[in-house]
Protein backbone atom coordinates (compact mmCIF):
# COMPACT_ATOMS: atom_id res chain seq x y z
CA MET A 1 -0.07 0.35 -0.03
CA ALA A 2 0.76 3.54 -1.11
CA SER A 3 2.58 5.44 1.69
CA TYR A 4 0.47 9.05 2.36
CA ARG A 5 1.52 12.15 4.15
CA ILE A 6 -1.14 12.86 6.51
CA THR A 7 -1.64 15.68 9.06
CA VAL A 8 -3.26 15.37 12.47
CA ALA A 9 -4.51 18.50 14.22
CA GLY A 10 -5.57 18.19 17.51
CA LEU A 11 -3.58 16.22 19.74
CA GLY A 12 -5.88 15.11 22.42
CA PHE A 13 -6.68 11.72 23.42
CA VAL A 14 -8.23 10.76 19.98
CA GLY A 15 -6.04 13.11 17.73
CA LEU A 16 -2.82 11.75 19.46
CA SER A 17 -4.05 8.18 19.17
CA MET A 18 -4.66 8.38 15.49
CA ALA A 19 -1.22 10.26 14.45
CA VAL A 20 0.45 6.91 16.61
CA LEU A 21 -1.69 4.56 14.43
CA LEU A 22 -1.33 5.73 10.85
CA SER A 23 2.26 6.73 11.74
CA GLN A 24 3.47 3.01 11.63
CA LYS A 25 3.01 3.53 8.18
CA ASN A 26 2.90 6.76 6.86
CA GLU A 27 4.25 10.49 7.19
CA VAL A 28 2.51 12.12 9.67
CA THR A 29 2.23 15.80 11.24
CA GLY A 30 0.74 16.37 14.50
CA LEU A 31 -0.57 19.93 14.44
CA ASP A 32 -1.67 21.47 17.96
CA VAL A 33 -2.38 24.98 19.63
CA LEU A 34 0.11 24.21 22.47
CA ALA A 35 3.55 24.25 22.04
CA ASP A 36 4.48 22.10 25.07
CA ARG A 37 2.51 19.15 23.65
CA ALA A 38 4.03 19.39 20.21
CA ASP A 39 7.61 19.61 22.03
CA LYS A 40 6.81 16.25 24.06
CA VAL A 41 5.45 14.47 21.09
CA ASN A 42 8.86 15.42 19.18
CA ARG A 43 10.64 14.05 22.31
CA GLY A 44 8.68 10.73 22.00
CA VAL A 45 6.81 11.38 25.58
CA SER A 46 2.82 11.05 26.02
CA PRO A 47 1.31 14.46 26.65
CA ILE A 48 -1.77 12.64 27.62
CA ASP A 49 -2.34 9.89 30.01
CA ASP A 50 -2.49 6.58 27.92
CA ALA A 51 0.06 3.59 28.74
CA ASP A 52 -0.54 2.09 24.94
CA ILE A 53 0.55 5.54 23.36
CA GLU A 54 3.32 6.25 26.14
CA ALA A 55 4.17 3.19 24.69
CA TYR A 56 4.64 3.39 20.76
CA LEU A 57 6.38 6.95 21.18
CA ALA A 58 9.26 5.71 23.88
CA ARG A 59 9.75 2.48 21.57
CA GLY A 60 10.14 4.87 18.44
CA GLY A 61 10.23 3.46 15.00
CA LEU A 62 7.08 6.07 14.28
CA THR A 63 7.39 8.51 11.61
CA LEU A 64 5.59 10.88 13.33
CA THR A 65 6.85 14.88 14.31
CA ALA A 66 4.46 17.75 15.40
CA THR A 67 4.54 21.40 15.12
CA THR A 68 2.19 24.45 15.86
CA ASN A 69 2.71 25.51 12.45
CA PRO A 70 -1.19 25.36 10.24
CA ARG A 71 0.92 26.24 7.20
CA ALA A 72 3.64 23.73 7.28
CA ALA A 73 1.17 20.91 8.46
CA TYR A 74 -1.49 21.60 5.70
CA GLU A 75 0.95 22.31 3.05
CA HIS A 76 1.77 18.78 1.40
CA ALA A 77 -0.81 16.52 3.33
CA ASP A 78 -2.88 14.00 1.54
CA PHE A 79 -5.19 13.77 4.08
CA ILE A 80 -5.83 16.32 7.00
CA VAL A 81 -7.64 14.79 9.98
CA ILE A 82 -9.84 17.18 12.48
CA ALA A 83 -9.59 16.16 16.33
CA THR A 84 -10.26 19.18 17.53
CA PRO A 85 -12.42 19.71 20.71
CA THR A 86 -15.90 20.67 20.59
CA ASP A 87 -17.60 21.50 23.71
CA TYR A 88 -21.11 21.59 24.33
CA ASP A 89 -22.49 25.52 24.69
CA PRO A 90 -25.41 25.76 26.59
CA ARG A 91 -25.75 29.10 25.24
CA THR A 92 -26.49 27.73 21.71
CA ASN A 93 -27.58 24.51 22.70
CA SER A 94 -24.93 23.06 20.35
CA PHE A 95 -21.49 22.02 20.34
CA ASP A 96 -18.95 24.77 19.62
CA THR A 97 -17.37 23.60 16.43
CA ALA A 98 -15.64 26.93 15.68
CA SER A 99 -12.11 24.90 16.01
CA VAL A 100 -13.08 22.38 13.26
CA GLU A 101 -14.33 24.98 10.89
CA GLN A 102 -11.15 27.34 11.68
CA VAL A 103 -8.92 24.16 10.65
CA ILE A 104 -11.01 23.76 7.21
CA GLU A 105 -10.80 27.53 6.41
CA GLN A 106 -7.21 27.08 6.48
CA ALA A 107 -6.71 23.72 5.17
CA ARG A 108 -8.62 24.72 2.55
CA ALA A 109 -6.73 27.93 1.94
CA VAL A 110 -3.26 26.37 1.64
CA ASN A 111 -4.14 22.89 -0.27
CA PRO A 112 -7.45 22.82 -1.17
CA GLU A 113 -6.77 19.25 -3.06
CA ALA A 114 -5.98 17.50 0.33
CA ALA A 115 -9.02 15.08 1.90
CA ILE A 116 -10.50 15.93 4.93
CA VAL A 117 -11.73 13.54 7.68
CA ILE A 118 -13.25 15.08 10.70
CA LYS A 119 -12.95 12.71 13.93
CA SER A 120 -14.23 15.80 16.18
CA THR A 121 -17.96 14.92 17.15
CA VAL A 122 -19.82 17.39 15.74
CA PRO A 123 -23.87 18.13 15.09
CA VAL A 124 -26.00 15.76 12.43
CA GLY A 125 -25.84 17.98 9.40
CA PHE A 126 -22.23 19.83 10.12
CA THR A 127 -20.20 17.81 7.40
CA ALA A 128 -23.05 18.31 5.12
CA SER A 129 -23.09 22.05 5.98
CA MET A 130 -19.21 22.45 5.41
CA LEU A 131 -19.58 20.39 1.97
CA GLU A 132 -21.57 23.02 0.66
CA ARG A 133 -20.10 26.27 2.54
CA HIS A 134 -17.01 25.34 0.75
CA ALA A 135 -18.35 23.64 -2.58
CA CYS A 136 -16.37 20.57 -2.75
CA GLU A 137 -16.80 17.09 -2.19
CA THR A 138 -13.98 15.67 -0.26
CA ILE A 139 -14.88 17.00 3.50
CA LEU A 140 -15.38 13.36 5.12
CA PHE A 141 -16.86 12.60 8.67
CA SER A 142 -15.36 9.29 10.46
CA PRO A 143 -16.89 8.58 14.01
CA GLU A 144 -14.27 7.64 16.81
CA PHE A 145 -15.55 5.41 19.42
CA LEU A 146 -12.62 5.53 22.11
CA ARG A 147 -12.30 5.35 25.50
CA GLU A 148 -10.09 7.82 27.25
CA GLY A 149 -7.31 6.13 28.52
CA HIS A 150 -7.35 3.51 26.03
CA ALA A 151 -7.63 5.32 22.80
CA LEU A 152 -4.61 3.87 20.63
CA TYR A 153 -5.51 0.31 22.11
CA ASP A 154 -9.30 1.14 20.47
CA ASN A 155 -7.34 2.60 17.68
CA LEU A 156 -5.19 -0.83 17.19
CA TYR A 157 -8.40 -3.38 18.02
CA PRO A 158 -11.44 -0.95 16.80
CA SER A 159 -14.72 -2.62 17.31
CA ARG A 160 -16.08 -0.82 13.95
CA ILE A 161 -14.73 1.52 11.23
CA LEU A 162 -17.12 4.04 9.89
CA LEU A 163 -16.55 6.59 7.08
CA GLY A 164 -19.20 8.96 5.99
CA ALA A 165 -18.62 10.47 2.26
CA LEU A 166 -21.15 11.57 -0.58
CA SER A 167 -22.19 8.10 -2.36
CA HIS A 168 -22.72 10.23 -5.40
CA SER A 169 -19.05 11.35 -5.72
CA ASP A 170 -16.64 9.11 -6.89
CA ARG A 171 -13.42 11.91 -5.38
CA ALA A 172 -15.27 11.52 -2.00
CA GLN A 173 -15.71 7.45 -2.37
CA ALA A 174 -12.11 7.25 -3.36
CA ALA A 175 -10.99 9.13 -0.66
CA ALA A 176 -12.91 7.27 1.73
CA ARG A 177 -11.82 3.62 0.77
CA ALA A 178 -8.02 4.94 1.05
CA PHE A 179 -8.47 6.36 4.47
CA VAL A 180 -10.28 3.27 5.43
CA SER A 181 -7.23 1.33 4.16
CA LEU A 182 -5.13 3.30 6.41
CA LEU A 183 -7.20 2.42 9.50
CA GLN A 184 -7.15 -1.34 8.36
CA GLU A 185 -3.69 -1.23 7.97
CA GLY A 186 -2.67 0.08 10.89
CA ALA A 187 -4.75 -1.77 13.41
CA ILE A 188 -4.10 -4.75 15.01
CA ARG A 189 -7.62 -6.66 15.02
CA ARG A 190 -8.14 -8.44 11.20
CA ASP A 191 -11.36 -8.41 9.90
CA VAL A 192 -12.86 -5.30 11.28
CA PRO A 193 -16.46 -4.54 10.50
CA THR A 194 -16.67 -1.43 8.21
CA LEU A 195 -19.32 1.00 7.02
CA PHE A 196 -19.60 3.34 4.17
CA MET A 197 -22.35 5.86 4.70
CA GLU A 198 -23.42 9.49 4.11
CA PRO A 199 -21.72 11.93 6.71
CA THR A 200 -24.90 12.67 8.30
CA GLU A 201 -25.77 9.35 9.04
CA ALA A 202 -22.20 8.71 10.18
CA GLU A 203 -22.84 11.60 12.56
CA ALA A 204 -26.20 10.59 13.49
CA VAL A 205 -24.58 6.99 14.62
CA LYS A 206 -21.73 8.80 16.96
CA LEU A 207 -24.45 10.27 18.99
CA PHE A 208 -26.92 7.33 19.14
CA SER A 209 -24.12 5.44 20.14
CA ASN A 210 -23.27 8.06 23.45
CA ALA A 211 -27.22 8.49 23.71
CA TYR A 212 -27.38 4.17 24.41
CA LEU A 213 -24.41 3.81 26.74
CA ALA A 214 -25.69 7.17 28.74
CA LEU A 215 -29.00 5.37 28.32
CA ARG A 216 -27.72 2.36 30.26
CA VAL A 217 -25.81 4.05 32.74
CA SER A 218 -29.05 6.01 33.79
CA PHE A 219 -31.06 2.20 33.53
CA PHE A 220 -29.35 0.93 35.97
CA ASN A 221 -28.49 3.85 38.55
CA GLU A 222 -32.24 4.22 38.57
CA LEU A 223 -32.24 0.37 39.25
CA ASP A 224 -29.79 1.14 41.98
CA THR A 225 -32.15 3.79 43.28
CA TYR A 226 -34.91 1.89 43.68
CA ALA A 227 -33.21 -0.78 45.69
CA GLU A 228 -31.60 1.73 47.66
CA MET A 229 -34.75 3.50 48.49
CA ARG A 230 -35.95 0.11 49.30
CA GLY A 231 -33.90 -1.52 51.46
CA LEU A 232 -32.81 -4.19 48.52
CA ASN A 233 -29.42 -5.49 47.36
CA ALA A 234 -28.69 -3.67 44.10
CA GLY A 235 -26.02 -6.19 42.98
CA GLN A 236 -28.32 -9.11 43.54
CA ILE A 237 -30.74 -7.57 41.29
CA ILE A 238 -28.37 -6.33 38.78
CA GLU A 239 -27.04 -9.85 38.31
CA GLY A 240 -30.22 -11.50 38.05
CA VAL A 241 -31.04 -8.97 35.01
CA GLY A 242 -27.84 -9.41 33.30
CA LEU A 243 -28.24 -13.04 33.03
CA ASP A 244 -30.28 -12.71 30.01
CA PRO A 245 -28.13 -12.98 27.08
CA ARG A 246 -29.92 -9.70 25.39
CA ILE A 247 -29.17 -7.20 28.33
CA GLY A 248 -25.40 -9.19 29.46
CA SER A 249 -23.31 -8.18 32.59
CA HIS A 250 -21.77 -4.93 30.88
CA TYR A 251 -21.41 -1.84 31.32
CA ASN A 252 -24.09 -2.08 34.56
CA ASN A 253 -21.67 -1.03 38.00
CA PRO A 254 -23.86 2.11 39.37
CA SER A 255 -22.12 5.30 39.33
CA PHE A 256 -23.60 9.04 40.41
CA GLY A 257 -24.44 9.32 36.89
CA TYR A 258 -22.88 9.40 33.13
CA GLY A 259 -20.39 11.75 32.57
CA GLY A 260 -16.96 12.82 31.49
CA TYR A 261 -16.26 14.48 28.28
CA CYS A 262 -18.37 12.51 25.88
CA LEU A 263 -21.71 11.28 27.01
CA PRO A 264 -23.23 14.83 28.67
CA LYS A 265 -22.48 16.90 25.35
CA ASP A 266 -23.44 14.23 23.24
CA THR A 267 -26.79 13.75 24.84
CA LYS A 268 -27.23 17.03 24.78
CA GLN A 269 -26.41 17.49 21.14
CA LEU A 270 -28.83 14.73 20.38
CA LEU A 271 -31.68 16.47 22.23
CA ALA A 272 -31.39 19.66 20.41
CA ASN A 273 -30.91 17.73 16.98
CA PHE A 274 -34.51 16.12 18.11
CA ASP A 275 -35.93 19.83 17.78
CA LYS A 276 -39.46 19.21 15.94
CA VAL A 277 -39.24 15.54 16.30
CA PRO A 278 -41.19 13.51 18.63
CA ASN A 279 -38.93 11.89 20.89
CA ASN A 280 -39.36 10.63 24.84
CA ILE A 281 -36.29 8.65 25.69
CA ILE A 282 -33.58 11.17 24.57
CA SER A 283 -35.08 13.93 27.02
CA ALA A 284 -35.78 11.43 29.49
CA ILE A 285 -31.99 10.05 30.03
CA VAL A 286 -30.68 13.75 30.06
CA ASP A 287 -33.37 14.04 32.99
CA ALA A 288 -32.64 10.74 34.57
CA ASN A 289 -29.11 11.83 35.14
CA ARG A 290 -30.04 14.90 36.75
CA THR A 291 -32.79 12.82 39.07
CA ARG A 292 -29.60 10.46 40.25
CA LYS A 293 -27.37 13.36 41.05
CA ASP A 294 -30.34 14.95 42.83
CA PHE A 295 -30.83 11.40 44.74
CA ILE A 296 -27.02 11.11 45.72
CA ALA A 297 -26.34 14.33 47.41
CA GLU A 298 -29.51 13.90 49.41
CA GLN A 299 -28.29 10.08 50.45
CA ILE A 300 -24.99 11.64 50.99
CA LEU A 301 -26.65 14.37 53.68
CA HIS A 302 -28.41 11.44 54.88
CA LYS A 303 -25.36 9.37 56.19
CA ALA A 304 -23.31 13.13 57.15
CA GLY A 305 -26.37 13.55 59.64
CA TYR A 306 -27.94 16.38 58.40
CA PRO A 307 -29.70 18.63 59.32
CA GLN A 308 -29.37 17.43 62.65
CA LYS A 309 -25.87 17.77 62.45
CA PRO A 310 -25.95 21.16 60.67
CA SER A 311 -22.17 21.55 59.02
CA PRO A 312 -20.56 18.36 58.39
CA THR A 313 -17.78 18.35 55.70
CA VAL A 314 -18.17 16.03 53.11
CA GLY A 315 -15.26 14.96 50.99
CA ILE A 316 -14.61 13.96 47.90
CA TYR A 317 -12.30 11.43 47.06
CA ARG A 318 -11.39 11.53 43.61
CA LEU A 319 -13.17 13.77 40.88
CA THR A 320 -11.64 11.15 37.90
CA MET A 321 -14.93 9.51 36.72
CA LYS A 322 -12.50 6.38 35.60
CA THR A 323 -9.44 4.29 37.23
CA ASN A 324 -6.24 5.45 36.08
CA SER A 325 -7.25 8.82 34.44
CA SER A 326 -6.41 12.32 35.17
CA ASN A 327 -9.43 13.69 33.36
CA PHE A 328 -12.45 15.11 35.34
CA ARG A 329 -14.14 17.12 32.84
CA GLN A 330 -18.07 16.86 33.41
CA SER A 331 -17.24 13.93 36.07
CA ALA A 332 -20.61 13.57 37.68
CA VAL A 333 -19.38 13.68 40.96
CA GLN A 334 -19.05 17.31 40.36
CA GLY A 335 -22.94 18.09 40.05
CA VAL A 336 -23.09 16.36 43.26
CA MET A 337 -20.89 18.56 45.24
CA LYS A 338 -23.13 21.50 43.47
CA ARG A 339 -26.07 20.29 45.27
CA LEU A 340 -23.66 19.98 48.47
CA LYS A 341 -22.42 23.51 48.30
CA ALA A 342 -25.74 25.11 47.71
CA LYS A 343 -27.22 23.84 50.73
CA GLY A 344 -24.01 25.15 52.61
CA ILE A 345 -22.56 22.03 53.20
CA PRO A 346 -18.42 22.54 53.42
CA VAL A 347 -16.79 19.91 50.95
CA VAL A 348 -13.30 19.39 50.60
CA VAL A 349 -11.20 17.28 47.93
CA TYR A 350 -8.54 14.81 47.44
CA GLU A 351 -7.32 14.81 44.17
CA PRO A 352 -3.75 13.89 43.07
CA ALA A 353 -4.00 15.28 39.75
CA LEU A 354 -5.10 18.76 40.51
CA LEU A 355 -2.23 21.27 41.04
CA GLU A 356 -4.28 24.00 42.52
CA SER A 357 -5.20 24.80 46.34
CA ALA A 358 -8.81 24.70 45.38
CA PHE A 359 -11.29 23.57 43.21
CA PHE A 360 -14.44 25.62 42.79
CA GLY A 361 -14.16 26.94 46.34
CA SER A 362 -13.76 23.60 47.93
CA ALA A 363 -10.14 23.14 49.29
CA VAL A 364 -7.75 20.61 47.73
CA ILE A 365 -6.24 18.39 50.51
CA ARG A 366 -2.89 17.14 49.78
CA SER A 367 -2.59 14.30 52.32
CA LEU A 368 -4.86 11.66 52.34
CA GLU A 369 -4.60 10.99 55.51
CA ALA A 370 -5.46 14.58 56.60
CA PHE A 371 -8.36 14.19 54.29
CA LYS A 372 -9.71 11.25 55.82
CA GLU A 373 -9.44 12.97 59.34
CA MET A 374 -10.91 15.58 58.61
CA SER A 375 -14.19 14.30 56.73
CA ASP A 376 -17.55 13.06 58.06
CA VAL A 377 -18.13 10.95 55.06
CA ILE A 378 -15.99 10.39 52.25
CA VAL A 379 -17.74 10.36 48.65
CA THR A 380 -16.17 8.09 46.39
CA ASN A 381 -17.49 6.97 42.31
CA ARG A 382 -15.42 3.71 42.79
CA LEU A 383 -13.76 2.02 45.45
CA HIS A 384 -10.12 2.30 46.16
CA GLU A 385 -8.10 -0.16 48.74
CA GLU A 386 -6.14 3.16 50.23
CA LEU A 387 -10.07 3.89 51.82
CA SER A 388 -10.09 0.51 53.58
CA ASP A 389 -9.14 1.69 56.83
CA VAL A 390 -12.08 4.31 56.89
CA ALA A 391 -14.87 1.80 55.57
CA GLU A 392 -17.65 3.18 57.92
CA LYS A 393 -17.16 6.91 56.34
CA ILE A 394 -17.31 5.89 52.53
CA TYR A 395 -20.60 6.63 50.81
CA THR A 396 -20.90 4.83 47.34
CA ARG A 397 -22.47 3.26 44.75
CA ASP A 398 -19.79 0.85 43.59
CA ILE A 399 -20.97 -2.56 43.22
CA TYR A 400 -18.08 -4.45 41.29
CA LYS A 401 -15.16 -2.39 41.83
CA ARG A 402 -14.44 -1.34 38.14
CA ASP A 403 -15.86 1.31 36.11
């Protein structure tokens, strides 16, 4: 297979894992606005927490360089992959796609012959709008299905590969098939299920996939809420339900709500895309997550002895959602914290990934022992061995001691 020159714009966990995957057999340039991130990649050091990426960069053999210079990155590329962040903007009720649009503008100005592949999550219909705005055929959409902390692994062993490209365009279809071949060539898993479809349908697959995961989290959380309110053993109920092979025993561990970078924003975006379309389930998923955080906050207050004890100190053990993660963007426990603080409850945080002395007005405690001592209740989304000596203080809904 011919080697291609590929630029990946955005070196977060999506972009960097893609750059590493493709640079095994292609010449890849990573582009990022952060000079420190680009410098680390050039030194063979991963700027994100992903053991597989760290190992691949450390062992070398990749044709991967990084830069902060857009013109240099785009000028000679055959493919330009966009993996810039698209956070949800509550003011516009949509993803903020400004960074993606900027890359497309710059790339088209410098190198209009390059095929553009959008990996960033975007609203349904976004790619079609870009194709129309730029009067071109080779802007493609290929959704990512990656877990944070396992992004490269999920690219090496993908569950599926999807490519959205205009079906009536020979140029778009040729670019789509070439890019899919690159993904297949870089993967270790063979015979990966692969689908070609229109860009808008591919965008919908991404949002509906994450909405279903959020639905599943919400379902088992509501089961757990029922069990806790009725004094039942949630683990036994979940085990019995999961033995039905149509349901299964995966993604069923209760939590404080779905969170992280993708599920909250993707479900809100999908709900916004349902404007004027009859729906019940999608809006219920968003509502269920809010209700779960309300319930969890009330249960924590009850365990803390509130209101009989008017100012119990609640300790939040780790803001991160998952084991071995340093990311706490949109973690569900933050919503719980806001509800506790709205009642005037003192909240302290133990989070080694935080360098600041405070987190949204809550003191960050560096010493785990001091944190344990000052906390009347310790809230943890997932149980950890280092909390075993204060088991009587713990509030968690973790049943299986896994994510």
